[in-house]
């Protein structure tokens, strides 16, 4: 394989189908608690939502991993649940418990308030504008949103649950109201992504963190259909939009996800076998999929995991990433070792 000359923002070239080796790299949750500078800024900001909605703090924490590690892409620091918050739902974050909301009732879905949606999220758009001005020219800026199904699981249960039983039961018992909820979230999420792109985001990612708990029919109705709606609406406004879909835990259902949703790149979780990933890569760019626990462990476990991905997927369009977000206990030295290993690989 020939060494390719990196373009201005190589992540975008790869997502559009080019092969670059060594591949570009960024990490989900790369701005987070494993960084001492992040912990200091979060303490200064106060509450987590204060961190998300204050452009001064949000820009700072987004830039921190770029300054330290020089990742090829920077992802906006925010949270997927700012979308229901902007629709008028209450939201708070408690240490050790995560996000907490008042569970929505079926009759409340029709009353979701879109009137102040963009006004509530204006600080996020301002953060994107400042980031594009403040990032190195070669660093891609990624925006994001949560997929409607994943957002709905929190809106319905009021908190995270292991198997999302409250949302699944709600969907089966109140199908019309549930589909209306997904539809509303899809519509405003498309608007949210369009505004991020207009503010300066080079590409966007749709996180469907809980898609793996659904059966095949529910996956089609609750994951694929709403994401396809978001992609279609974004592309109607921005035909060249680069969109990454990440249906974590989708298993064999990954095989048709790109074709059915229209996403550009496909984010893979760490459970996706390399043989399946290679088939998916034949259809376009893939992103992932190192087990975050290998990064925590370091040493030979990390080296073997990195080599397996580079050997298995390096001959096609690959954005190197984790198979989910980096965890708070990850040693900084392990991130540095991973980057050295990726960046030192000679073309094959």
C-alpha atoms as a PDB file:
ATOM      1  CA  UNK A   1       0.000   0.000   0.000  1.00  0.00           C
ATOM      2  CA  UNK A   2       1.322   3.423  -0.900  1.00  0.00           C
ATOM      3  CA  UNK A   3       1.826   6.174   1.613  1.00  0.00           C
ATOM      4  CA  UNK A   4      -0.669   8.942   0.907  1.00  0.00           C
ATOM      5  CA  UNK A   5      -0.033  12.596   1.461  1.00  0.00           C
ATOM      6  CA  UNK A   6      -2.274  13.983   4.170  1.00  0.00           C
ATOM      7  CA  UNK A   7      -4.637  16.716   3.051  1.00  0.00           C
ATOM      8  CA  UNK A   8      -5.615  19.695   5.130  1.00  0.00           C
ATOM      9  CA  UNK A   9      -8.124  17.737   7.268  1.00  0.00           C
ATOM     10  CA  UNK A  10      -7.308  14.106   6.696  1.00  0.00           C
ATOM     11  CA  UNK A  11     -10.214  12.763   8.784  1.00  0.00           C
ATOM     12  CA  UNK A  12     -12.634  14.181   6.228  1.00  0.00           C
ATOM     13  CA  UNK A  13     -10.755  12.597   3.326  1.00  0.00           C
ATOM     14  CA  UNK A  14     -10.925   9.219   5.031  1.00  0.00           C
ATOM     15  CA  UNK A  15     -14.600   9.523   5.899  1.00  0.00           C
ATOM     16  CA  UNK A  16     -15.264  10.257   2.233  1.00  0.00           C
ATOM     17  CA  UNK A  17     -13.550   7.010   1.273  1.00  0.00           C
ATOM     18  CA  UNK A  18      -9.799   7.632   0.925  1.00  0.00           C
ATOM     19  CA  UNK A  19      -7.205   5.367   2.513  1.00  0.00           C
ATOM     20  CA  UNK A  20      -4.488   7.081   4.534  1.00  0.00           C
ATOM     21  CA  UNK A  21      -1.871   5.125   6.471  1.00  0.00           C
ATOM     22  CA  UNK A  22      -1.132   5.475   9.295  1.00  0.00           C
ATOM     23  CA  UNK A  23      -4.793   6.369   9.790  1.00  0.00           C
ATOM     24  CA  UNK A  24      -6.000   9.544  11.462  1.00  0.00           C
ATOM     25  CA  UNK A  25      -7.052   9.147  15.083  1.00  0.00           C
ATOM     26  CA  UNK A  26      -9.355  10.717  17.636  1.00  0.00           C
ATOM     27  CA  UNK A  27     -11.083   9.236  20.686  1.00  0.00           C
ATOM     28  CA  UNK A  28     -14.665   9.369  21.820  1.00  0.00           C
ATOM     29  CA  UNK A  29     -14.849  11.314  25.127  1.00  0.00           C
ATOM     30  CA  UNK A  30     -11.309  12.535  24.497  1.00  0.00           C
ATOM     31  CA  UNK A  31     -12.198  15.664  26.494  1.00  0.00           C
ATOM     32  CA  UNK A  32     -12.969  14.107  29.854  1.00  0.00           C
ATOM     33  CA  UNK A  33     -12.114  13.085  33.373  1.00  0.00           C
ATOM     34  CA  UNK A  34      -8.932  11.182  32.528  1.00  0.00           C
ATOM     35  CA  UNK A  35      -7.326  14.605  31.894  1.00  0.00           C
ATOM     36  CA  UNK A  36      -6.222  16.579  34.968  1.00  0.00           C
ATOM     37  CA  UNK A  37      -6.784  19.848  33.116  1.00  0.00           C
ATOM     38  CA  UNK A  38     -10.377  18.820  32.415  1.00  0.00           C
ATOM     39  CA  UNK A  39     -11.002  18.049  36.079  1.00  0.00           C
ATOM     40  CA  UNK A  40      -9.659  21.465  37.032  1.00  0.00           C
ATOM     41  CA  UNK A  41     -11.850  23.252  34.491  1.00  0.00           C
ATOM     42  CA  UNK A  42     -14.942  21.306  35.494  1.00  0.00           C
ATOM     43  CA  UNK A  43     -14.365  22.248  39.123  1.00  0.00           C
ATOM     44  CA  UNK A  44     -14.082  25.877  38.108  1.00  0.00           C
ATOM     45  CA  UNK A  45     -17.267  25.689  36.011  1.00  0.00           C
ATOM     46  CA  UNK A  46     -19.427  24.247  38.777  1.00  0.00           C
ATOM     47  CA  UNK A  47     -22.195  21.978  37.475  1.00  0.00           C
ATOM     48  CA  UNK A  48     -21.876  19.827  34.382  1.00  0.00           C
ATOM     49  CA  UNK A  49     -24.537  21.750  32.476  1.00  0.00           C
ATOM     50  CA  UNK A  50     -22.704  24.965  33.318  1.00  0.00           C
ATOM     51  CA  UNK A  51     -19.695  23.438  31.596  1.00  0.00           C
ATOM     52  CA  UNK A  52     -21.767  22.503  28.520  1.00  0.00           C
ATOM     53  CA  UNK A  53     -23.578  25.831  28.186  1.00  0.00           C
ATOM     54  CA  UNK A  54     -20.678  28.199  28.891  1.00  0.00           C
ATOM     55  CA  UNK A  55     -18.686  28.669  25.657  1.00  0.00           C
ATOM     56  CA  UNK A  56     -15.580  29.783  27.554  1.00  0.00           C
ATOM     57  CA  UNK A  57     -15.426  26.506  29.482  1.00  0.00           C
ATOM     58  CA  UNK A  58     -16.711  24.298  26.644  1.00  0.00           C
ATOM     59  CA  UNK A  59     -14.115  25.623  24.213  1.00  0.00           C
ATOM     60  CA  UNK A  60     -11.347  25.168  26.752  1.00  0.00           C
ATOM     61  CA  UNK A  61     -12.118  21.521  27.526  1.00  0.00           C
ATOM     62  CA  UNK A  62     -12.619  20.708  23.839  1.00  0.00           C
ATOM     63  CA  UNK A  63      -9.172  22.083  23.034  1.00  0.00           C
ATOM     64  CA  UNK A  64      -7.369  20.404  25.943  1.00  0.00           C
ATOM     65  CA  UNK A  65      -6.844  16.977  24.316  1.00  0.00           C
ATOM     66  CA  UNK A  66      -5.807  18.626  21.053  1.00  0.00           C
ATOM     67  CA  UNK A  67      -3.105  20.611  22.842  1.00  0.00           C
ATOM     68  CA  UNK A  68      -1.894  17.559  24.757  1.00  0.00           C
ATOM     69  CA  UNK A  69      -2.099  14.827  22.104  1.00  0.00           C
ATOM     70  CA  UNK A  70      -2.600  16.489  18.704  1.00  0.00           C
ATOM     71  CA  UNK A  71      -5.530  14.295  17.692  1.00  0.00           C
ATOM     72  CA  UNK A  72      -6.600  14.612  14.047  1.00  0.00           C
ATOM     73  CA  UNK A  73     -10.145  15.582  15.009  1.00  0.00           C
ATOM     74  CA  UNK A  74     -11.717  17.532  17.819  1.00  0.00           C
ATOM     75  CA  UNK A  75     -15.264  16.787  18.935  1.00  0.00           C
ATOM     76  CA  UNK A  76     -17.496  19.429  20.450  1.00  0.00           C
ATOM     77  CA  UNK A  77     -17.795  19.138  24.218  1.00  0.00           C
ATOM     78  CA  UNK A  78     -21.462  18.895  25.152  1.00  0.00           C
ATOM     79  CA  UNK A  79     -23.957  16.171  26.065  1.00  0.00           C
ATOM     80  CA  UNK A  80     -26.594  14.317  24.060  1.00  0.00           C
ATOM     81  CA  UNK A  81     -29.270  15.287  26.597  1.00  0.00           C
ATOM     82  CA  UNK A  82     -29.121  18.998  25.847  1.00  0.00           C
ATOM     83  CA  UNK A  83     -31.650  18.172  23.093  1.00  0.00           C
ATOM     84  CA  UNK A  84     -34.506  17.103  25.424  1.00  0.00           C
ATOM     85  CA  UNK A  85     -33.429  19.841  27.828  1.00  0.00           C
ATOM     86  CA  UNK A  86     -33.936  22.358  25.016  1.00  0.00           C
ATOM     87  CA  UNK A  87     -37.394  20.851  24.467  1.00  0.00           C
ATOM     88  CA  UNK A  88     -38.348  21.868  27.995  1.00  0.00           C
ATOM     89  CA  UNK A  89     -37.552  18.682  29.923  1.00  0.00           C
ATOM     90  CA  UNK A  90     -35.798  19.057  33.256  1.00  0.00           C
ATOM     91  CA  UNK A  91     -32.244  17.749  33.466  1.00  0.00           C
ATOM     92  CA  UNK A  92     -29.629  17.550  36.171  1.00  0.00           C
ATOM     93  CA  UNK A  93     -26.407  15.623  36.679  1.00  0.00           C
ATOM     94  CA  UNK A  94     -25.476  14.072  40.007  1.00  0.00           C
ATOM     95  CA  UNK A  95     -22.019  12.744  40.814  1.00  0.00           C
ATOM     96  CA  UNK A  96     -22.081   8.963  40.845  1.00  0.00           C
ATOM     97  CA  UNK A  97     -25.577   8.796  39.307  1.00  0.00           C
ATOM     98  CA  UNK A  98     -25.221  10.548  35.969  1.00  0.00           C
ATOM     99  CA  UNK A  99     -28.097  12.339  34.224  1.00  0.00           C
ATOM    100  CA  UNK A 100     -31.469  12.506  35.946  1.00  0.00           C
ATOM    101  CA  UNK A 101     -34.775  13.640  34.431  1.00  0.00           C
ATOM    102  CA  UNK A 102     -38.448  13.469  35.334  1.00  0.00           C
ATOM    103  CA  UNK A 103     -39.830  10.521  33.317  1.00  0.00           C
ATOM    104  CA  UNK A 104     -42.119  11.681  30.553  1.00  0.00           C
ATOM    105  CA  UNK A 105     -45.749  10.572  30.481  1.00  0.00           C
ATOM    106  CA  UNK A 106     -47.394   9.533  27.192  1.00  0.00           C
ATOM    107  CA  UNK A 107     -49.695  12.563  27.206  1.00  0.00           C
ATOM    108  CA  UNK A 108     -46.755  14.942  27.615  1.00  0.00           C
ATOM    109  CA  UNK A 109     -45.103  14.013  24.330  1.00  0.00           C
ATOM    110  CA  UNK A 110     -47.425  16.184  22.259  1.00  0.00           C
ATOM    111  CA  UNK A 111     -46.640  19.100  24.587  1.00  0.00           C
ATOM    112  CA  UNK A 112     -42.868  19.159  24.068  1.00  0.00           C
ATOM    113  CA  UNK A 113     -41.927  22.803  23.604  1.00  0.00           C
ATOM    114  CA  UNK A 114     -39.864  23.598  20.518  1.00  0.00           C
ATOM    115  CA  UNK A 115     -40.253  27.355  20.891  1.00  0.00           C
ATOM    116  CA  UNK A 116     -37.050  27.956  22.806  1.00  0.00           C
ATOM    117  CA  UNK A 117     -35.031  25.103  21.309  1.00  0.00           C
ATOM    118  CA  UNK A 118     -32.393  27.062  19.418  1.00  0.00           C
ATOM    119  CA  UNK A 119     -32.252  29.850  21.990  1.00  0.00           C
ATOM    120  CA  UNK A 120     -31.366  27.299  24.669  1.00  0.00           C
ATOM    121  CA  UNK A 121     -28.698  25.791  22.414  1.00  0.00           C
ATOM    122  CA  UNK A 122     -27.211  29.066  21.177  1.00  0.00           C
ATOM    123  CA  UNK A 123     -24.250  28.701  23.599  1.00  0.00           C
ATOM    124  CA  UNK A 124     -23.447  25.388  21.892  1.00  0.00           C
ATOM    125  CA  UNK A 125     -23.470  27.030  18.452  1.00  0.00           C
ATOM    126  CA  UNK A 126     -21.229  29.796  19.795  1.00  0.00           C
ATOM    127  CA  UNK A 127     -18.843  27.150  21.127  1.00  0.00           C
ATOM    128  CA  UNK A 128     -18.637  25.595  17.649  1.00  0.00           C
ATOM    129  CA  UNK A 129     -17.931  28.987  16.057  1.00  0.00           C
ATOM    130  CA  UNK A 130     -15.123  29.698  18.525  1.00  0.00           C
ATOM    131  CA  UNK A 131     -13.666  26.222  18.145  1.00  0.00           C
ATOM    132  CA  UNK A 132     -13.374  26.483  14.392  1.00  0.00           C
ATOM    133  CA  UNK A 133     -11.465  29.727  14.825  1.00  0.00           C
ATOM    134  CA  UNK A 134      -9.278  28.332  17.615  1.00  0.00           C
ATOM    135  CA  UNK A 135      -8.368  24.889  16.279  1.00  0.00           C
ATOM    136  CA  UNK A 136      -5.334  24.185  14.102  1.00  0.00           C
ATOM    137  CA  UNK A 137      -6.264  24.411  10.419  1.00  0.00           C
ATOM    138  CA  UNK A 138      -5.542  20.703   9.873  1.00  0.00           C
ATOM    139  CA  UNK A 139      -7.768  19.527  12.748  1.00  0.00           C
ATOM    140  CA  UNK A 140     -11.277  18.463  11.783  1.00  0.00           C
ATOM    141  CA  UNK A 141     -14.101  19.689  14.007  1.00  0.00           C
ATOM    142  CA  UNK A 142     -16.871  17.206  14.732  1.00  0.00           C
ATOM    143  CA  UNK A 143     -20.310  18.074  15.998  1.00  0.00           C
ATOM    144  CA  UNK A 144     -22.744  15.477  17.284  1.00  0.00           C
ATOM    145  CA  UNK A 145     -26.135  14.529  18.625  1.00  0.00           C
ATOM    146  CA  UNK A 146     -27.662  11.505  20.279  1.00  0.00           C
ATOM    147  CA  UNK A 147     -29.836   9.236  18.171  1.00  0.00           C
ATOM    148  CA  UNK A 148     -33.581   9.495  18.899  1.00  0.00           C
ATOM    149  CA  UNK A 149     -33.799   5.997  20.410  1.00  0.00           C
ATOM    150  CA  UNK A 150     -30.955   6.595  22.849  1.00  0.00           C
ATOM    151  CA  UNK A 151     -32.290  10.009  23.875  1.00  0.00           C
ATOM    152  CA  UNK A 152     -35.764   8.521  24.307  1.00  0.00           C
ATOM    153  CA  UNK A 153     -34.454   5.893  26.730  1.00  0.00           C
ATOM    154  CA  UNK A 154     -33.392   8.656  29.155  1.00  0.00           C
ATOM    155  CA  UNK A 155     -36.490  10.780  28.602  1.00  0.00           C
ATOM    156  CA  UNK A 156     -38.735   7.808  29.404  1.00  0.00           C
ATOM    157  CA  UNK A 157     -36.829   6.215  32.301  1.00  0.00           C
ATOM    158  CA  UNK A 158     -35.462   9.448  33.715  1.00  0.00           C
ATOM    159  CA  UNK A 159     -32.010   7.883  34.081  1.00  0.00           C
ATOM    160  CA  UNK A 160     -29.775   5.264  32.529  1.00  0.00           C
ATOM    161  CA  UNK A 161     -30.730   1.601  32.907  1.00  0.00           C
ATOM    162  CA  UNK A 162     -28.788  -1.563  31.982  1.00  0.00           C
ATOM    163  CA  UNK A 163     -31.231  -2.952  29.396  1.00  0.00           C
ATOM    164  CA  UNK A 164     -33.526   0.025  28.736  1.00  0.00           C
ATOM    165  CA  UNK A 165     -36.571  -2.009  29.802  1.00  0.00           C
ATOM    166  CA  UNK A 166     -38.617   1.138  30.649  1.00  0.00           C
ATOM    167  CA  UNK A 167     -38.255   2.507  27.108  1.00  0.00           C
ATOM    168  CA  UNK A 168     -38.899  -0.853  25.479  1.00  0.00           C
ATOM    169  CA  UNK A 169     -42.052  -1.361  27.524  1.00  0.00           C
ATOM    170  CA  UNK A 170     -43.192   2.176  26.801  1.00  0.00           C
ATOM    171  CA  UNK A 171     -42.707   1.583  23.063  1.00  0.00           C
ATOM    172  CA  UNK A 172     -44.775  -1.611  23.147  1.00  0.00           C
ATOM    173  CA  UNK A 173     -47.533  -0.221  25.378  1.00  0.00           C
ATOM    174  CA  UNK A 174     -47.794   3.238  23.797  1.00  0.00           C
ATOM    175  CA  UNK A 175     -46.636   2.760  20.198  1.00  0.00           C
ATOM    176  CA  UNK A 176     -48.232   5.886  18.715  1.00  0.00           C
ATOM    177  CA  UNK A 177     -46.892   8.176  21.419  1.00  0.00           C
ATOM    178  CA  UNK A 178     -43.476   6.554  21.300  1.00  0.00           C
ATOM    179  CA  UNK A 179     -43.132   6.981  17.542  1.00  0.00           C
ATOM    180  CA  UNK A 180     -44.252  10.593  17.943  1.00  0.00           C
ATOM    181  CA  UNK A 181     -41.476  11.078  20.505  1.00  0.00           C
ATOM    182  CA  UNK A 182     -38.874   9.627  18.147  1.00  0.00           C
ATOM    183  CA  UNK A 183     -40.188  11.777  15.318  1.00  0.00           C
ATOM    184  CA  UNK A 184     -39.951  14.967  17.365  1.00  0.00           C
ATOM    185  CA  UNK A 185     -36.434  14.166  18.527  1.00  0.00           C
ATOM    186  CA  UNK A 186     -35.379  13.344  14.957  1.00  0.00           C
ATOM    187  CA  UNK A 187     -36.744  16.624  13.600  1.00  0.00           C
ATOM    188  CA  UNK A 188     -35.077  18.860  16.169  1.00  0.00           C
ATOM    189  CA  UNK A 189     -31.847  16.826  16.096  1.00  0.00           C
ATOM    190  CA  UNK A 190     -31.574  17.396  12.349  1.00  0.00           C
ATOM    191  CA  UNK A 191     -31.991  21.131  12.941  1.00  0.00           C
ATOM    192  CA  UNK A 192     -29.392  20.944  15.704  1.00  0.00           C
ATOM    193  CA  UNK A 193     -26.836  19.265  13.436  1.00  0.00           C
ATOM    194  CA  UNK A 194     -27.505  21.692  10.592  1.00  0.00           C
ATOM    195  CA  UNK A 195     -26.852  24.620  12.952  1.00  0.00           C
ATOM    196  CA  UNK A 196     -23.608  22.992  14.107  1.00  0.00           C
ATOM    197  CA  UNK A 197     -22.456  22.572  10.507  1.00  0.00           C
ATOM    198  CA  UNK A 198     -23.391  26.165   9.720  1.00  0.00           C
ATOM    199  CA  UNK A 199     -21.368  27.264  12.761  1.00  0.00           C
ATOM    200  CA  UNK A 200     -18.257  25.482  11.513  1.00  0.00           C
ATOM    201  CA  UNK A 201     -18.452  21.735  12.176  1.00  0.00           C
ATOM    202  CA  UNK A 202     -16.744  19.762   9.395  1.00  0.00           C
ATOM    203  CA  UNK A 203     -18.661  16.557  10.112  1.00  0.00           C
ATOM    204  CA  UNK A 204     -21.148  15.247  12.673  1.00  0.00           C
ATOM    205  CA  UNK A 205     -21.638  11.997  14.536  1.00  0.00           C
ATOM    206  CA  UNK A 206     -24.922  10.433  15.650  1.00  0.00           C
ATOM    207  CA  UNK A 207     -24.481   8.382  18.829  1.00  0.00           C
ATOM    208  CA  UNK A 208     -26.918   5.490  19.297  1.00  0.00           C
ATOM    209  CA  UNK A 209     -25.417   4.116  22.484  1.00  0.00           C
ATOM    210  CA  UNK A 210     -28.303   1.761  23.313  1.00  0.00           C
ATOM    211  CA  UNK A 211     -29.151   0.258  19.919  1.00  0.00           C
ATOM    212  CA  UNK A 212     -27.790  -3.116  21.013  1.00  0.00           C
ATOM    213  CA  UNK A 213     -30.707  -3.885  23.356  1.00  0.00           C
ATOM    214  CA  UNK A 214     -33.330  -4.064  20.598  1.00  0.00           C
ATOM    215  CA  UNK A 215     -34.672  -6.954  18.550  1.00  0.00           C
ATOM    216  CA  UNK A 216     -34.481  -6.790  14.755  1.00  0.00           C
ATOM    217  CA  UNK A 217     -37.901  -5.251  14.151  1.00  0.00           C
ATOM    218  CA  UNK A 218     -37.459  -2.664  16.894  1.00  0.00           C
ATOM    219  CA  UNK A 219     -33.972  -1.826  15.631  1.00  0.00           C
ATOM    220  CA  UNK A 220     -35.433  -1.062  12.210  1.00  0.00           C
ATOM    221  CA  UNK A 221     -38.258   1.059  13.599  1.00  0.00           C
ATOM    222  CA  UNK A 222     -36.537   2.783  16.515  1.00  0.00           C
ATOM    223  CA  UNK A 223     -32.910   3.098  15.357  1.00  0.00           C
ATOM    224  CA  UNK A 224     -32.711   2.950  11.578  1.00  0.00           C
ATOM    225  CA  UNK A 225     -35.824   4.911  10.600  1.00  0.00           C
ATOM    226  CA  UNK A 226     -35.231   7.952  12.856  1.00  0.00           C
ATOM    227  CA  UNK A 227     -31.545   8.196  11.918  1.00  0.00           C
ATOM    228  CA  UNK A 228     -32.445   7.968   8.230  1.00  0.00           C
ATOM    229  CA  UNK A 229     -34.833  10.861   8.785  1.00  0.00           C
ATOM    230  CA  UNK A 230     -32.086  12.933  10.429  1.00  0.00           C
ATOM    231  CA  UNK A 231     -29.630  12.188   7.612  1.00  0.00           C
ATOM    232  CA  UNK A 232     -32.198  13.014   4.944  1.00  0.00           C
ATOM    233  CA  UNK A 233     -33.094  16.338   6.560  1.00  0.00           C
ATOM    234  CA  UNK A 234     -29.478  17.337   7.131  1.00  0.00           C
ATOM    235  CA  UNK A 235     -28.589  16.503   3.527  1.00  0.00           C
ATOM    236  CA  UNK A 236     -31.561  18.493   2.253  1.00  0.00           C
ATOM    237  CA  UNK A 237     -29.939  21.559   3.806  1.00  0.00           C
ATOM    238  CA  UNK A 238     -26.302  20.476   3.431  1.00  0.00           C
ATOM    239  CA  UNK A 239     -25.980  17.977   0.535  1.00  0.00           C
ATOM    240  CA  UNK A 240     -22.283  17.333   1.170  1.00  0.00           C
ATOM    241  CA  UNK A 241     -22.642  16.759   4.916  1.00  0.00           C
ATOM    242  CA  UNK A 242     -20.294  14.103   6.302  1.00  0.00           C
ATOM    243  CA  UNK A 243     -22.189  12.067   8.903  1.00  0.00           C
ATOM    244  CA  UNK A 244     -20.879   9.242  11.098  1.00  0.00           C
ATOM    245  CA  UNK A 245     -23.381   6.755  12.509  1.00  0.00           C
ATOM    246  CA  UNK A 246     -22.500   4.815  15.666  1.00  0.00           C
ATOM    247  CA  UNK A 247     -25.115   2.146  16.497  1.00  0.00           C
ATOM    248  CA  UNK A 248     -23.263   0.610  19.450  1.00  0.00           C
ATOM    249  CA  UNK A 249     -23.964  -3.061  19.999  1.00  0.00           C
ATOM    250  CA  UNK A 250     -25.805  -3.548  16.695  1.00  0.00           C
ATOM    251  CA  UNK A 251     -23.993  -6.816  15.957  1.00  0.00           C
ATOM    252  CA  UNK A 252     -25.101  -8.367  12.669  1.00  0.00           C
ATOM    253  CA  UNK A 253     -27.472  -5.428  12.152  1.00  0.00           C
ATOM    254  CA  UNK A 254     -24.440  -3.273  11.394  1.00  0.00           C
ATOM    255  CA  UNK A 255     -24.371  -4.947   7.970  1.00  0.00           C
ATOM    256  CA  UNK A 256     -27.260  -2.930   6.505  1.00  0.00           C
ATOM    257  CA  UNK A 257     -27.144   0.150   8.738  1.00  0.00           C
ATOM    258  CA  UNK A 258     -25.135   2.393   6.414  1.00  0.00           C
ATOM    259  CA  UNK A 259     -27.223   1.577   3.349  1.00  0.00           C
ATOM    260  CA  UNK A 260     -30.517   2.037   5.222  1.00  0.00           C
ATOM    261  CA  UNK A 261     -29.628   5.267   7.015  1.00  0.00           C
ATOM    262  CA  UNK A 262     -27.367   6.975   4.482  1.00  0.00           C
ATOM    263  CA  UNK A 263     -24.569   7.766   6.935  1.00  0.00           C
ATOM    264  CA  UNK A 264     -21.137   8.417   5.422  1.00  0.00           C
ATOM    265  CA  UNK A 265     -18.943   6.661   7.963  1.00  0.00           C
ATOM    266  CA  UNK A 266     -19.719   3.794  10.304  1.00  0.00           C
ATOM    267  CA  UNK A 267     -18.515   3.791  13.906  1.00  0.00           C
ATOM    268  CA  UNK A 268     -17.833   0.277  15.189  1.00  0.00           C
ATOM    269  CA  UNK A 269     -17.901  -0.860  18.806  1.00  0.00           C
ATOM    270  CA  UNK A 270     -15.168  -3.157  20.119  1.00  0.00           C
ATOM    271  CA  UNK A 271     -17.302  -6.307  19.826  1.00  0.00           C
ATOM    272  CA  UNK A 272     -17.436  -6.100  16.010  1.00  0.00           C
ATOM    273  CA  UNK A 273     -15.145  -8.848  14.614  1.00  0.00           C
ATOM    274  CA  UNK A 274     -12.467  -7.653  12.221  1.00  0.00           C
ATOM    275  CA  UNK A 275     -13.851  -9.988   9.557  1.00  0.00           C
ATOM    276  CA  UNK A 276     -17.193  -8.166   9.727  1.00  0.00           C
ATOM    277  CA  UNK A 277     -15.443  -4.804   9.918  1.00  0.00           C
ATOM    278  CA  UNK A 278     -13.577  -5.593   6.702  1.00  0.00           C
ATOM    279  CA  UNK A 279     -16.858  -6.331   4.917  1.00  0.00           C
ATOM    280  CA  UNK A 280     -18.289  -3.066   6.193  1.00  0.00           C
ATOM    281  CA  UNK A 281     -15.153  -1.205   5.154  1.00  0.00           C
ATOM    282  CA  UNK A 282     -15.597  -2.432   1.579  1.00  0.00           C
ATOM    283  CA  UNK A 283     -18.692  -0.194   1.455  1.00  0.00           C
ATOM    284  CA  UNK A 284     -17.025   2.914   2.927  1.00  0.00           C
ATOM    285  CA  UNK A 285     -15.097   4.327   5.831  1.00  0.00           C
ATOM    286  CA  UNK A 286     -15.209   2.692   9.241  1.00  0.00           C
ATOM    287  CA  UNK A 287     -14.222   4.151  12.590  1.00  0.00           C
ATOM    288  CA  UNK A 288     -13.026   2.332  15.680  1.00  0.00           C
ATOM    289  CA  UNK A 289     -12.793  -0.092  17.298  1.00  0.00           C
ATOM    290  CA  UNK A 290     -10.250  -0.614  20.076  1.00  0.00           C
ATOM    291  CA  UNK A 291     -11.645  -1.961  23.341  1.00  0.00           C
ATOM    292  CA  UNK A 292     -11.353   0.924  25.853  1.00  0.00           C
ATOM    293  CA  UNK A 293     -10.198  -1.582  28.470  1.00  0.00           C
ATOM    294  CA  UNK A 294      -7.111  -2.343  26.385  1.00  0.00           C
ATOM    295  CA  UNK A 295      -6.251   1.340  26.659  1.00  0.00           C
ATOM    296  CA  UNK A 296      -6.704   1.167  30.426  1.00  0.00           C
ATOM    297  CA  UNK A 297      -4.587  -1.990  30.677  1.00  0.00           C
ATOM    298  CA  UNK A 298      -1.751  -0.779  28.471  1.00  0.00           C
ATOM    299  CA  UNK A 299       1.273  -2.936  27.745  1.00  0.00           C
ATOM    300  CA  UNK A 300       0.966  -5.933  25.482  1.00  0.00           C
ATOM    301  CA  UNK A 301      -2.843  -5.925  25.567  1.00  0.00           C
ATOM    302  CA  UNK A 302      -2.867  -2.424  24.136  1.00  0.00           C
ATOM    303  CA  UNK A 303      -0.125  -3.086  21.600  1.00  0.00           C
ATOM    304  CA  UNK A 304      -1.838  -6.245  20.343  1.00  0.00           C
ATOM    305  CA  UNK A 305      -5.194  -4.489  20.005  1.00  0.00           C
ATOM    306  CA  UNK A 306      -3.742  -1.578  18.058  1.00  0.00           C
ATOM    307  CA  UNK A 307      -1.768  -3.877  15.749  1.00  0.00           C
ATOM    308  CA  UNK A 308      -4.816  -6.042  15.048  1.00  0.00           C
ATOM    309  CA  UNK A 309      -6.847  -3.045  13.904  1.00  0.00           C
ATOM    310  CA  UNK A 310      -4.036  -1.544  11.821  1.00  0.00           C
ATOM    311  CA  UNK A 311      -3.289  -4.905  10.218  1.00  0.00           C
ATOM    312  CA  UNK A 312      -6.931  -5.783   9.632  1.00  0.00           C
ATOM    313  CA  UNK A 313      -8.350  -2.416   8.562  1.00  0.00           C
ATOM    314  CA  UNK A 314      -5.361  -0.261   7.614  1.00  0.00           C
ATOM    315  CA  UNK A 315      -5.631  -1.112   3.909  1.00  0.00           C
ATOM    316  CA  UNK A 316      -8.963   0.669   3.628  1.00  0.00           C
ATOM    317  CA  UNK A 317     -10.545   3.915   4.822  1.00  0.00           C
ATOM    318  CA  UNK A 318     -10.129   3.869   8.612  1.00  0.00           C
ATOM    319  CA  UNK A 319     -10.435   6.485  11.326  1.00  0.00           C
ATOM    320  CA  UNK A 320      -8.735   4.931  14.339  1.00  0.00           C
ATOM    321  CA  UNK A 321     -10.837   5.299  17.483  1.00  0.00           C
ATOM    322  CA  UNK A 322     -12.050   3.381  20.490  1.00  0.00           C
ATOM    323  CA  UNK A 323     -15.086   1.126  20.356  1.00  0.00           C
ATOM    324  CA  UNK A 324     -16.719   3.435  22.929  1.00  0.00           C
ATOM    325  CA  UNK A 325     -15.638   6.385  25.046  1.00  0.00           C
ATOM    326  CA  UNK A 326     -12.361   6.647  26.911  1.00  0.00           C
ATOM    327  CA  UNK A 327     -12.846   5.896  30.616  1.00  0.00           C
ATOM    328  CA  UNK A 328     -11.781   8.148  33.519  1.00  0.00           C
ATOM    329  CA  UNK A 329      -9.230   5.651  34.881  1.00  0.00           C
ATOM    330  CA  UNK A 330      -7.222   5.599  31.627  1.00  0.00           C
ATOM    331  CA  UNK A 331      -3.553   6.513  32.242  1.00  0.00           C
ATOM    332  CA  UNK A 332      -2.266   9.376  30.122  1.00  0.00           C
ATOM    333  CA  UNK A 333       0.879   7.371  29.377  1.00  0.00           C
ATOM    334  CA  UNK A 334      -1.232   4.686  27.704  1.00  0.00           C
ATOM    335  CA  UNK A 335      -2.831   7.219  25.362  1.00  0.00           C
ATOM    336  CA  UNK A 336       0.635   8.493  24.480  1.00  0.00           C
ATOM    337  CA  UNK A 337       1.858   4.941  23.851  1.00  0.00           C
ATOM    338  CA  UNK A 338      -1.120   4.188  21.601  1.00  0.00           C
ATOM    339  CA  UNK A 339      -0.513   7.314  19.525  1.00  0.00           C
ATOM    340  CA  UNK A 340       3.194   6.536  19.176  1.00  0.00           C
ATOM    341  CA  UNK A 341       2.379   3.047  17.970  1.00  0.00           C
ATOM    342  CA  UNK A 342      -0.162   4.252  15.411  1.00  0.00           C
ATOM    343  CA  UNK A 343       1.918   7.119  14.107  1.00  0.00           C
ATOM    344  CA  UNK A 344       5.144   5.126  13.865  1.00  0.00           C
ATOM    345  CA  UNK A 345       3.731   2.415  11.644  1.00  0.00           C
ATOM    346  CA  UNK A 346       5.307   2.350   8.203  1.00  0.00           C
ATOM    347  CA  UNK A 347       3.073   1.979   5.169  1.00  0.00           C
ATOM    348  CA  UNK A 348       2.461  -1.628   4.233  1.00  0.00           C
END
